Amino acid sequence: MELNMTLNGLELWKATGGFANEPHVHDDWYQLTLPVRGQCYLVQEQHAYPLKAGMGIVAHPQMEHHFEIGSDSAVIVIKFRKPPLGSYEGAELSGRRTEFRPAQTFDPAEISSLFRSWHSILLDDMPDLLRVQETELAIETYLRRMLMGQENEIETVDTGTFIDPHLRRVLDYIHSAYTGPMDIDSMAVVAHQSRYHFMRSFKALTGSTPYQYLLNLRVEEASRRLRLTTDSVTTISYELGFSSVSQLYRAFQRVYVMTPMEYRNQV
């Protein structure tokens, strides 16, 4: 069985239950092959690698490779065109190809859990653009940690004494326009930061991602309208920028542990 997901400059797929492909090359893609169950027999540039779960291999662009797995095995593949999150910029600007160590170790349980999360988000009927962008950055962050050994850095912000004025403007922007479509690039521009550093600093400040913060604002306003107006749930969903009524229901139940109509009937 194969599961495929395509993003901006990223491709993810998973093969289970027996799989083999023909020798091939990718002109401008890097490929990270990650066996998560059983064993994967991979051939790369005429070198054979019998890989067990937890041992991955990187194929660079124009490097011939193919692999085979048995019926009791599973492999996750991540393909990417550029080094994650702008790392190795000197090599890219000089026209040289970025080189990674071929062999990589990883936690099979972690990447399996992450893949399920990414899959559920990206295969939603109408995924929110902001949530898709956050998923792309999450994948790039995983690649950064995997390929360069850079653990997630934890930042703390003393909100009692100082808030970066650029981040304050981002919060003001979100609060003034949270019912409309938003994207990470626009927020990062207001924050005067890269997409990656904006995500880190925003979460350090608020304790949530921009998408979670936006969703909570919409749910809070939905609860106010359910209490104070007779607007239908469909109207509230549409006017607050939810992608569908079902998205409003899911988000509302996560916060209030009841449906919007149950909430309205109790107040």
C-alpha atoms as a PDB file:
ATOM      1  CA  MET A   1       0.000   0.000   0.000  1.00  0.00           C
ATOM      2  CA  GLU A   2       1.221   3.516  -0.751  1.00  0.00           C
ATOM      3  CA  LEU A   3       0.251   6.846   0.854  1.00  0.00           C
ATOM      4  CA  ASN A   4       1.351  10.009  -0.937  1.00  0.00           C
ATOM      5  CA  MET A   5       1.365  13.659   0.113  1.00  0.00           C
ATOM      6  CA  THR A   6       2.761  16.551  -1.926  1.00  0.00           C
ATOM      7  CA  LEU A   7       3.619  19.964  -0.521  1.00  0.00           C
ATOM      8  CA  ASN A   8       5.585  22.995  -1.660  1.00  0.00           C
ATOM      9  CA  GLY A   9       9.038  21.520  -2.264  1.00  0.00           C
ATOM     10  CA  LEU A  10       8.281  18.420  -0.186  1.00  0.00           C
ATOM     11  CA  GLU A  11       6.882  14.965  -0.907  1.00  0.00           C
ATOM     12  CA  LEU A  12       6.016  12.310   1.658  1.00  0.00           C
ATOM     13  CA  TRP A  13       4.904   8.766   1.145  1.00  0.00           C
ATOM     14  CA  LYS A  14       4.700   5.491   2.990  1.00  0.00           C
ATOM     15  CA  ALA A  15       4.936   1.957   1.608  1.00  0.00           C
ATOM     16  CA  THR A  16       3.768  -1.109   3.563  1.00  0.00           C
ATOM     17  CA  GLY A  17       2.906  -4.712   2.912  1.00  0.00           C
ATOM     18  CA  GLY A  18       5.608  -5.430   0.335  1.00  0.00           C
ATOM     19  CA  PHE A  19       7.003  -2.951  -2.176  1.00  0.00           C
ATOM     20  CA  ALA A  20       9.797  -2.715  -4.738  1.00  0.00           C
ATOM     21  CA  ASN A  21      10.707  -0.027  -7.253  1.00  0.00           C
ATOM     22  CA  GLU A  22      13.035   0.167 -10.232  1.00  0.00           C
ATOM     23  CA  PRO A  23      16.445   1.896 -10.181  1.00  0.00           C
ATOM     24  CA  HIS A  24      15.905   5.609 -10.757  1.00  0.00           C
ATOM     25  CA  VAL A  25      17.347   9.069 -10.084  1.00  0.00           C
ATOM     26  CA  HIS A  26      15.859  12.424  -9.052  1.00  0.00           C
ATOM     27  CA  ASP A  27      17.335  15.376 -10.910  1.00  0.00           C
ATOM     28  CA  ASP A  28      16.790  17.934  -8.156  1.00  0.00           C
ATOM     29  CA  TRP A  29      15.346  16.038  -5.189  1.00  0.00           C
ATOM     30  CA  TYR A  30      17.024  14.720  -2.064  1.00  0.00           C
ATOM     31  CA  GLN A  31      15.392  11.556  -0.730  1.00  0.00           C
ATOM     32  CA  LEU A  32      15.410  10.348   2.876  1.00  0.00           C
ATOM     33  CA  THR A  33      14.382   6.688   3.172  1.00  0.00           C
ATOM     34  CA  LEU A  34      13.298   5.681   6.691  1.00  0.00           C
ATOM     35  CA  PRO A  35      12.413   2.037   7.444  1.00  0.00           C
ATOM     36  CA  VAL A  36      10.002   2.050  10.387  1.00  0.00           C
ATOM     37  CA  ARG A  37       9.198  -1.661  10.585  1.00  0.00           C
ATOM     38  CA  GLY A  38      11.014  -4.804   9.482  1.00  0.00           C
ATOM     39  CA  GLN A  39      13.878  -4.526   7.013  1.00  0.00           C
ATOM     40  CA  CYS A  40      14.498  -2.574   3.832  1.00  0.00           C
ATOM     41  CA  TYR A  41      16.993  -3.726   1.199  1.00  0.00           C
ATOM     42  CA  LEU A  42      18.258  -0.554  -0.488  1.00  0.00           C
ATOM     43  CA  VAL A  43      20.755  -0.207  -3.349  1.00  0.00           C
ATOM     44  CA  GLN A  44      22.337   3.207  -3.911  1.00  0.00           C
ATOM     45  CA  GLU A  45      25.096   3.918  -6.431  1.00  0.00           C
ATOM     46  CA  GLN A  46      25.639   0.126  -6.693  1.00  0.00           C
ATOM     47  CA  HIS A  47      26.174  -0.193  -2.917  1.00  0.00           C
ATOM     48  CA  ALA A  48      23.767  -2.461  -1.021  1.00  0.00           C
ATOM     49  CA  TYR A  49      22.392  -1.371   2.349  1.00  0.00           C
ATOM     50  CA  PRO A  50      20.288  -3.847   4.382  1.00  0.00           C
ATOM     51  CA  LEU A  51      18.499  -1.348   6.620  1.00  0.00           C
ATOM     52  CA  LYS A  52      16.644  -2.141   9.820  1.00  0.00           C
ATOM     53  CA  ALA A  53      14.058   0.115  11.448  1.00  0.00           C
ATOM     54  CA  GLY A  54      15.810   3.160  12.855  1.00  0.00           C
ATOM     55  CA  MET A  55      18.531   3.362  10.205  1.00  0.00           C
ATOM     56  CA  GLY A  56      17.877   5.693   7.256  1.00  0.00           C
ATOM     57  CA  ILE A  57      19.678   6.610   4.046  1.00  0.00           C
ATOM     58  CA  VAL A  58      19.913   9.926   2.175  1.00  0.00           C
ATOM     59  CA  ALA A  59      20.048   9.900  -1.622  1.00  0.00           C
ATOM     60  CA  HIS A  60      21.381  13.121  -3.170  1.00  0.00           C
ATOM     61  CA  PRO A  61      20.111  14.487  -6.494  1.00  0.00           C
ATOM     62  CA  GLN A  62      21.205  12.465  -9.560  1.00  0.00           C
ATOM     63  CA  MET A  63      22.148   9.490  -7.353  1.00  0.00           C
ATOM     64  CA  GLU A  64      20.680   6.210  -8.622  1.00  0.00           C
ATOM     65  CA  HIS A  65      18.805   4.179  -6.020  1.00  0.00           C
ATOM     66  CA  HIS A  66      16.006   1.686  -5.445  1.00  0.00           C
ATOM     67  CA  PHE A  67      14.720  -0.440  -2.575  1.00  0.00           C
ATOM     68  CA  GLU A  68      12.563  -3.419  -1.680  1.00  0.00           C
ATOM     69  CA  ILE A  69      10.642  -4.334   1.473  1.00  0.00           C
ATOM     70  CA  GLY A  70       8.864  -7.507   2.534  1.00  0.00           C
ATOM     71  CA  SER A  71       5.232  -8.026   3.468  1.00  0.00           C
ATOM     72  CA  ASP A  72       5.897  -7.362   7.152  1.00  0.00           C
ATOM     73  CA  SER A  73       7.894  -4.156   6.617  1.00  0.00           C
ATOM     74  CA  ALA A  74       7.111  -0.444   6.248  1.00  0.00           C
ATOM     75  CA  VAL A  75       9.098   2.531   4.933  1.00  0.00           C
ATOM     76  CA  ILE A  76       8.488   6.281   5.111  1.00  0.00           C
ATOM     77  CA  VAL A  77      10.118   8.440   2.413  1.00  0.00           C
ATOM     78  CA  ILE A  78      10.623  12.214   2.617  1.00  0.00           C
ATOM     79  CA  LYS A  79      11.771  14.022  -0.529  1.00  0.00           C
ATOM     80  CA  PHE A  80      12.868  17.656  -0.486  1.00  0.00           C
ATOM     81  CA  ARG A  81      14.353  20.041  -3.029  1.00  0.00           C
ATOM     82  CA  LYS A  82      16.249  22.408  -0.738  1.00  0.00           C
ATOM     83  CA  PRO A  83      18.151  21.922   2.526  1.00  0.00           C
ATOM     84  CA  PRO A  84      15.665  22.365   5.376  1.00  0.00           C
ATOM     85  CA  LEU A  85      14.986  25.854   6.693  1.00  0.00           C
ATOM     86  CA  GLY A  86      17.717  27.600   4.742  1.00  0.00           C
ATOM     87  CA  SER A  87      20.650  25.745   6.306  1.00  0.00           C
ATOM     88  CA  TYR A  88      23.881  25.391   4.332  1.00  0.00           C
ATOM     89  CA  GLU A  89      23.079  28.688   2.591  1.00  0.00           C
ATOM     90  CA  GLY A  90      26.711  29.225   1.587  1.00  0.00           C
ATOM     91  CA  ALA A  91      26.744  26.056  -0.473  1.00  0.00           C
ATOM     92  CA  GLU A  92      23.434  26.926  -2.110  1.00  0.00           C
ATOM     93  CA  LEU A  93      24.443  30.486  -2.990  1.00  0.00           C
ATOM     94  CA  SER A  94      27.731  29.334  -4.520  1.00  0.00           C
ATOM     95  CA  GLY A  95      25.915  26.814  -6.687  1.00  0.00           C
ATOM     96  CA  ARG A  96      27.382  23.834  -4.868  1.00  0.00           C
ATOM     97  CA  ARG A  97      25.097  20.985  -3.878  1.00  0.00           C
ATOM     98  CA  THR A  98      24.540  20.515  -0.157  1.00  0.00           C
ATOM     99  CA  GLU A  99      25.973  17.230   1.071  1.00  0.00           C
ATOM    100  CA  PHE A 100      24.578  15.206   3.967  1.00  0.00           C
ATOM    101  CA  ARG A 101      25.922  12.084   5.634  1.00  0.00           C
ATOM    102  CA  PRO A 102      24.328   9.128   3.793  1.00  0.00           C
ATOM    103  CA  ALA A 103      23.523   7.115   6.941  1.00  0.00           C
ATOM    104  CA  GLN A 104      21.077   8.596   9.458  1.00  0.00           C
ATOM    105  CA  THR A 105      19.695   7.186  12.699  1.00  0.00           C
ATOM    106  CA  PHE A 106      16.189   8.032  13.869  1.00  0.00           C
ATOM    107  CA  ASP A 107      13.339   6.969  16.158  1.00  0.00           C
ATOM    108  CA  PRO A 108      10.843   4.826  14.160  1.00  0.00           C
ATOM    109  CA  ALA A 109       8.036   5.415  16.673  1.00  0.00           C
ATOM    110  CA  GLU A 110       8.503   9.195  16.508  1.00  0.00           C
ATOM    111  CA  ILE A 111       8.457   9.507  12.704  1.00  0.00           C
ATOM    112  CA  SER A 112       5.504   7.075  12.474  1.00  0.00           C
ATOM    113  CA  SER A 113       3.524   9.237  14.901  1.00  0.00           C
ATOM    114  CA  LEU A 114       4.516  12.440  13.086  1.00  0.00           C
ATOM    115  CA  PHE A 115       3.587  10.952   9.711  1.00  0.00           C
ATOM    116  CA  ARG A 116       0.116  10.011  10.978  1.00  0.00           C
ATOM    117  CA  SER A 117      -0.357  13.567  12.254  1.00  0.00           C
ATOM    118  CA  TRP A 118       0.834  15.148   8.988  1.00  0.00           C
ATOM    119  CA  HIS A 119      -1.310  12.728   6.980  1.00  0.00           C
ATOM    120  CA  SER A 120      -4.492  13.535   8.917  1.00  0.00           C
ATOM    121  CA  ILE A 121      -3.935  17.282   8.476  1.00  0.00           C
ATOM    122  CA  LEU A 122      -3.022  17.280   4.804  1.00  0.00           C
ATOM    123  CA  LEU A 123      -5.772  14.880   3.747  1.00  0.00           C
ATOM    124  CA  ASP A 124      -8.497  16.940   5.391  1.00  0.00           C
ATOM    125  CA  ASP A 125     -11.272  17.804   2.936  1.00  0.00           C
ATOM    126  CA  MET A 126     -10.524  21.539   3.179  1.00  0.00           C
ATOM    127  CA  PRO A 127      -7.279  22.080   5.099  1.00  0.00           C
ATOM    128  CA  ASP A 128      -6.673  25.631   6.274  1.00  0.00           C
ATOM    129  CA  LEU A 129      -3.749  27.281   4.422  1.00  0.00           C
ATOM    130  CA  LEU A 130      -2.158  28.387   7.687  1.00  0.00           C
ATOM    131  CA  ARG A 131      -2.323  24.847   9.068  1.00  0.00           C
ATOM    132  CA  VAL A 132      -0.779  23.430   5.882  1.00  0.00           C
ATOM    133  CA  GLN A 133       2.080  25.942   6.115  1.00  0.00           C
ATOM    134  CA  GLU A 134       2.661  25.030   9.752  1.00  0.00           C
ATOM    135  CA  THR A 135       2.804  21.365   8.741  1.00  0.00           C
ATOM    136  CA  GLU A 136       5.410  22.158   6.083  1.00  0.00           C
ATOM    137  CA  LEU A 137       7.530  23.929   8.696  1.00  0.00           C
ATOM    138  CA  ALA A 138       7.107  21.010  11.114  1.00  0.00           C
ATOM    139  CA  ILE A 139       8.424  18.626   8.448  1.00  0.00           C
ATOM    140  CA  GLU A 140      11.326  20.963   7.673  1.00  0.00           C
ATOM    141  CA  THR A 141      12.115  21.201  11.401  1.00  0.00           C
ATOM    142  CA  TYR A 142      12.207  17.406  11.632  1.00  0.00           C
ATOM    143  CA  LEU A 143      14.570  17.269   8.645  1.00  0.00           C
ATOM    144  CA  ARG A 144      16.798  19.919  10.197  1.00  0.00           C
ATOM    145  CA  ARG A 145      17.100  17.903  13.408  1.00  0.00           C
ATOM    146  CA  MET A 146      17.568  14.627  11.577  1.00  0.00           C
ATOM    147  CA  LEU A 147      20.114  15.718   8.985  1.00  0.00           C
ATOM    148  CA  MET A 148      22.083  18.283  10.961  1.00  0.00           C
ATOM    149  CA  GLY A 149      21.720  17.064  14.519  1.00  0.00           C
ATOM    150  CA  GLN A 150      20.127  20.328  15.602  1.00  0.00           C
ATOM    151  CA  GLU A 151      17.694  19.688  18.399  1.00  0.00           C
ATOM    152  CA  ASN A 152      14.690  21.929  18.796  1.00  0.00           C
ATOM    153  CA  GLU A 153      15.802  25.029  20.669  1.00  0.00           C
ATOM    154  CA  ILE A 154      13.577  26.146  23.489  1.00  0.00           C
ATOM    155  CA  GLU A 155      13.095  29.856  23.859  1.00  0.00           C
ATOM    156  CA  THR A 156      11.530  31.623  26.820  1.00  0.00           C
ATOM    157  CA  VAL A 157       9.957  35.041  26.785  1.00  0.00           C
ATOM    158  CA  ASP A 158       9.444  37.121  29.914  1.00  0.00           C
ATOM    159  CA  THR A 159       6.010  38.444  29.050  1.00  0.00           C
ATOM    160  CA  GLY A 160       5.910  40.405  32.282  1.00  0.00           C
ATOM    161  CA  THR A 161       8.704  42.755  31.262  1.00  0.00           C
ATOM    162  CA  PHE A 162       9.035  42.869  27.489  1.00  0.00           C
ATOM    163  CA  ILE A 163       7.325  41.751  24.315  1.00  0.00           C
ATOM    164  CA  ASP A 164       9.041  42.269  20.994  1.00  0.00           C
ATOM    165  CA  PRO A 165       7.106  45.154  19.398  1.00  0.00           C
ATOM    166  CA  HIS A 166       7.089  43.367  16.048  1.00  0.00           C
ATOM    167  CA  LEU A 167       5.450  40.318  17.636  1.00  0.00           C
ATOM    168  CA  ARG A 168       2.987  42.641  19.369  1.00  0.00           C
ATOM    169  CA  ARG A 169       2.054  43.960  15.913  1.00  0.00           C
ATOM    170  CA  VAL A 170       1.536  40.375  14.722  1.00  0.00           C
ATOM    171  CA  LEU A 171      -0.868  39.755  17.611  1.00  0.00           C
ATOM    172  CA  ASP A 172      -2.691  43.005  16.842  1.00  0.00           C
ATOM    173  CA  TYR A 173      -2.915  41.950  13.191  1.00  0.00           C
ATOM    174  CA  ILE A 174      -4.347  38.536  14.071  1.00  0.00           C
ATOM    175  CA  HIS A 175      -6.908  40.019  16.476  1.00  0.00           C
ATOM    176  CA  SER A 176      -8.042  42.537  13.877  1.00  0.00           C
ATOM    177  CA  ALA A 177      -8.378  40.087  10.981  1.00  0.00           C
ATOM    178  CA  TYR A 178      -8.825  36.606  12.468  1.00  0.00           C
ATOM    179  CA  THR A 179     -12.028  35.889  10.512  1.00  0.00           C
ATOM    180  CA  GLY A 180     -10.191  36.051   7.175  1.00  0.00           C
ATOM    181  CA  PRO A 181      -7.487  33.904   5.566  1.00  0.00           C
ATOM    182  CA  MET A 182      -3.980  34.254   6.993  1.00  0.00           C
ATOM    183  CA  ASP A 183      -0.577  32.879   6.107  1.00  0.00           C
ATOM    184  CA  ILE A 184       2.748  32.482   7.860  1.00  0.00           C
ATOM    185  CA  ASP A 185       4.717  34.502   5.315  1.00  0.00           C
ATOM    186  CA  SER A 186       2.642  37.643   5.953  1.00  0.00           C
ATOM    187  CA  MET A 187       2.984  37.250   9.714  1.00  0.00           C
ATOM    188  CA  ALA A 188       6.730  36.680   9.451  1.00  0.00           C
ATOM    189  CA  VAL A 189       7.082  39.871   7.408  1.00  0.00           C
ATOM    190  CA  VAL A 190       5.252  41.850  10.117  1.00  0.00           C
ATOM    191  CA  ALA A 191       7.502  40.212  12.744  1.00  0.00           C
ATOM    192  CA  HIS A 192      10.657  41.008  10.708  1.00  0.00           C
ATOM    193  CA  GLN A 193      11.721  37.355  11.030  1.00  0.00           C
ATOM    194  CA  SER A 194      12.199  34.299   8.849  1.00  0.00           C
ATOM    195  CA  ARG A 195       9.311  31.817   8.744  1.00  0.00           C
ATOM    196  CA  TYR A 196      11.242  29.384  10.948  1.00  0.00           C
ATOM    197  CA  HIS A 197      12.274  31.910  13.611  1.00  0.00           C
ATOM    198  CA  PHE A 198       8.825  33.490  13.600  1.00  0.00           C
ATOM    199  CA  MET A 199       7.213  30.131  14.401  1.00  0.00           C
ATOM    200  CA  ARG A 200       9.621  29.578  17.288  1.00  0.00           C
ATOM    201  CA  SER A 201       9.282  33.056  18.780  1.00  0.00           C
ATOM    202  CA  PHE A 202       5.474  33.103  18.388  1.00  0.00           C
ATOM    203  CA  LYS A 203       5.108  29.776  20.190  1.00  0.00           C
ATOM    204  CA  ALA A 204       7.530  30.891  22.907  1.00  0.00           C
ATOM    205  CA  LEU A 205       5.412  34.001  23.466  1.00  0.00           C
ATOM    206  CA  THR A 206       1.897  32.530  23.265  1.00  0.00           C
ATOM    207  CA  GLY A 207       2.371  28.819  23.993  1.00  0.00           C
ATOM    208  CA  SER A 208       0.641  27.904  20.732  1.00  0.00           C
ATOM    209  CA  THR A 209       1.178  27.979  16.990  1.00  0.00           C
ATOM    210  CA  PRO A 210      -0.364  30.798  14.924  1.00  0.00           C
ATOM    211  CA  TYR A 211      -3.011  28.392  13.623  1.00  0.00           C
ATOM    212  CA  GLN A 212      -3.973  27.258  17.147  1.00  0.00           C
ATOM    213  CA  TYR A 213      -4.057  30.866  18.322  1.00  0.00           C
ATOM    214  CA  LEU A 214      -6.271  31.874  15.392  1.00  0.00           C
ATOM    215  CA  LEU A 215      -8.593  28.904  15.926  1.00  0.00           C
ATOM    216  CA  ASN A 216      -9.001  29.727  19.617  1.00  0.00           C
ATOM    217  CA  LEU A 217     -10.006  33.301  18.739  1.00  0.00           C
ATOM    218  CA  ARG A 218     -12.614  31.994  16.308  1.00  0.00           C
ATOM    219  CA  VAL A 219     -13.980  29.522  18.864  1.00  0.00           C
ATOM    220  CA  GLU A 220     -14.155  32.254  21.518  1.00  0.00           C
ATOM    221  CA  GLU A 221     -16.139  34.497  19.180  1.00  0.00           C
ATOM    222  CA  ALA A 222     -18.351  31.571  18.148  1.00  0.00           C
ATOM    223  CA  SER A 223     -19.229  30.946  21.793  1.00  0.00           C
ATOM    224  CA  ARG A 224     -20.103  34.638  22.236  1.00  0.00           C
ATOM    225  CA  ARG A 225     -22.432  34.573  19.226  1.00  0.00           C
ATOM    226  CA  LEU A 226     -24.049  31.353  20.381  1.00  0.00           C
ATOM    227  CA  ARG A 227     -24.839  33.047  23.694  1.00  0.00           C
ATOM    228  CA  LEU A 228     -25.925  36.444  22.434  1.00  0.00           C
ATOM    229  CA  THR A 229     -27.439  35.912  18.970  1.00  0.00           C
ATOM    230  CA  THR A 230     -29.831  33.559  17.206  1.00  0.00           C
ATOM    231  CA  ASP A 231     -27.474  33.093  14.243  1.00  0.00           C
ATOM    232  CA  SER A 232     -27.301  29.528  12.970  1.00  0.00           C
ATOM    233  CA  VAL A 233     -24.151  27.467  13.458  1.00  0.00           C
ATOM    234  CA  THR A 234     -23.694  27.485   9.680  1.00  0.00           C
ATOM    235  CA  THR A 235     -23.820  31.296   9.551  1.00  0.00           C
ATOM    236  CA  ILE A 236     -21.411  31.608  12.472  1.00  0.00           C
ATOM    237  CA  SER A 237     -19.046  29.125  10.849  1.00  0.00           C
ATOM    238  CA  TYR A 238     -19.065  30.990   7.535  1.00  0.00           C
ATOM    239  CA  GLU A 239     -18.671  34.472   9.024  1.00  0.00           C
ATOM    240  CA  LEU A 240     -15.793  33.484  11.322  1.00  0.00           C
ATOM    241  CA  GLY A 241     -13.699  31.948   8.564  1.00  0.00           C
ATOM    242  CA  PHE A 242     -13.983  28.251   9.415  1.00  0.00           C
ATOM    243  CA  SER A 243     -13.382  26.069   6.374  1.00  0.00           C
ATOM    244  CA  SER A 244     -16.579  24.118   7.110  1.00  0.00           C
ATOM    245  CA  VAL A 245     -19.247  23.631   9.750  1.00  0.00           C
ATOM    246  CA  SER A 246     -17.577  20.365  10.754  1.00  0.00           C
ATOM    247  CA  GLN A 247     -14.326  22.233  11.445  1.00  0.00           C
ATOM    248  CA  LEU A 248     -16.215  24.546  13.805  1.00  0.00           C
ATOM    249  CA  TYR A 249     -17.749  21.533  15.548  1.00  0.00           C
ATOM    250  CA  ARG A 250     -14.379  19.828  15.997  1.00  0.00           C
ATOM    251  CA  ALA A 251     -12.639  22.964  17.262  1.00  0.00           C
ATOM    252  CA  PHE A 252     -15.527  23.875  19.569  1.00  0.00           C
ATOM    253  CA  GLN A 253     -15.702  20.409  21.104  1.00  0.00           C
ATOM    254  CA  ARG A 254     -11.959  20.442  21.834  1.00  0.00           C
ATOM    255  CA  VAL A 255     -12.376  23.626  23.882  1.00  0.00           C
ATOM    256  CA  TYR A 256     -15.824  23.179  25.475  1.00  0.00           C
ATOM    257  CA  VAL A 257     -16.209  19.358  25.385  1.00  0.00           C
ATOM    258  CA  MET A 258     -19.658  19.774  23.851  1.00  0.00           C
ATOM    259  CA  THR A 259     -21.145  20.684  20.488  1.00  0.00           C
ATOM    260  CA  PRO A 260     -22.086  24.274  19.641  1.00  0.00           C
ATOM    261  CA  MET A 261     -25.812  23.436  19.907  1.00  0.00           C
ATOM    262  CA  GLU A 262     -25.346  21.735  23.272  1.00  0.00           C
ATOM    263  CA  TYR A 263     -23.506  24.847  24.432  1.00  0.00           C
ATOM    264  CA  ARG A 264     -26.302  27.146  23.172  1.00  0.00           C
ATOM    265  CA  ASN A 265     -28.965  25.064  24.921  1.00  0.00           C
ATOM    266  CA  GLN A 266     -27.132  25.291  28.244  1.00  0.00           C
ATOM    267  CA  VAL A 267     -26.699  29.080  28.345  1.00  0.00           C
END
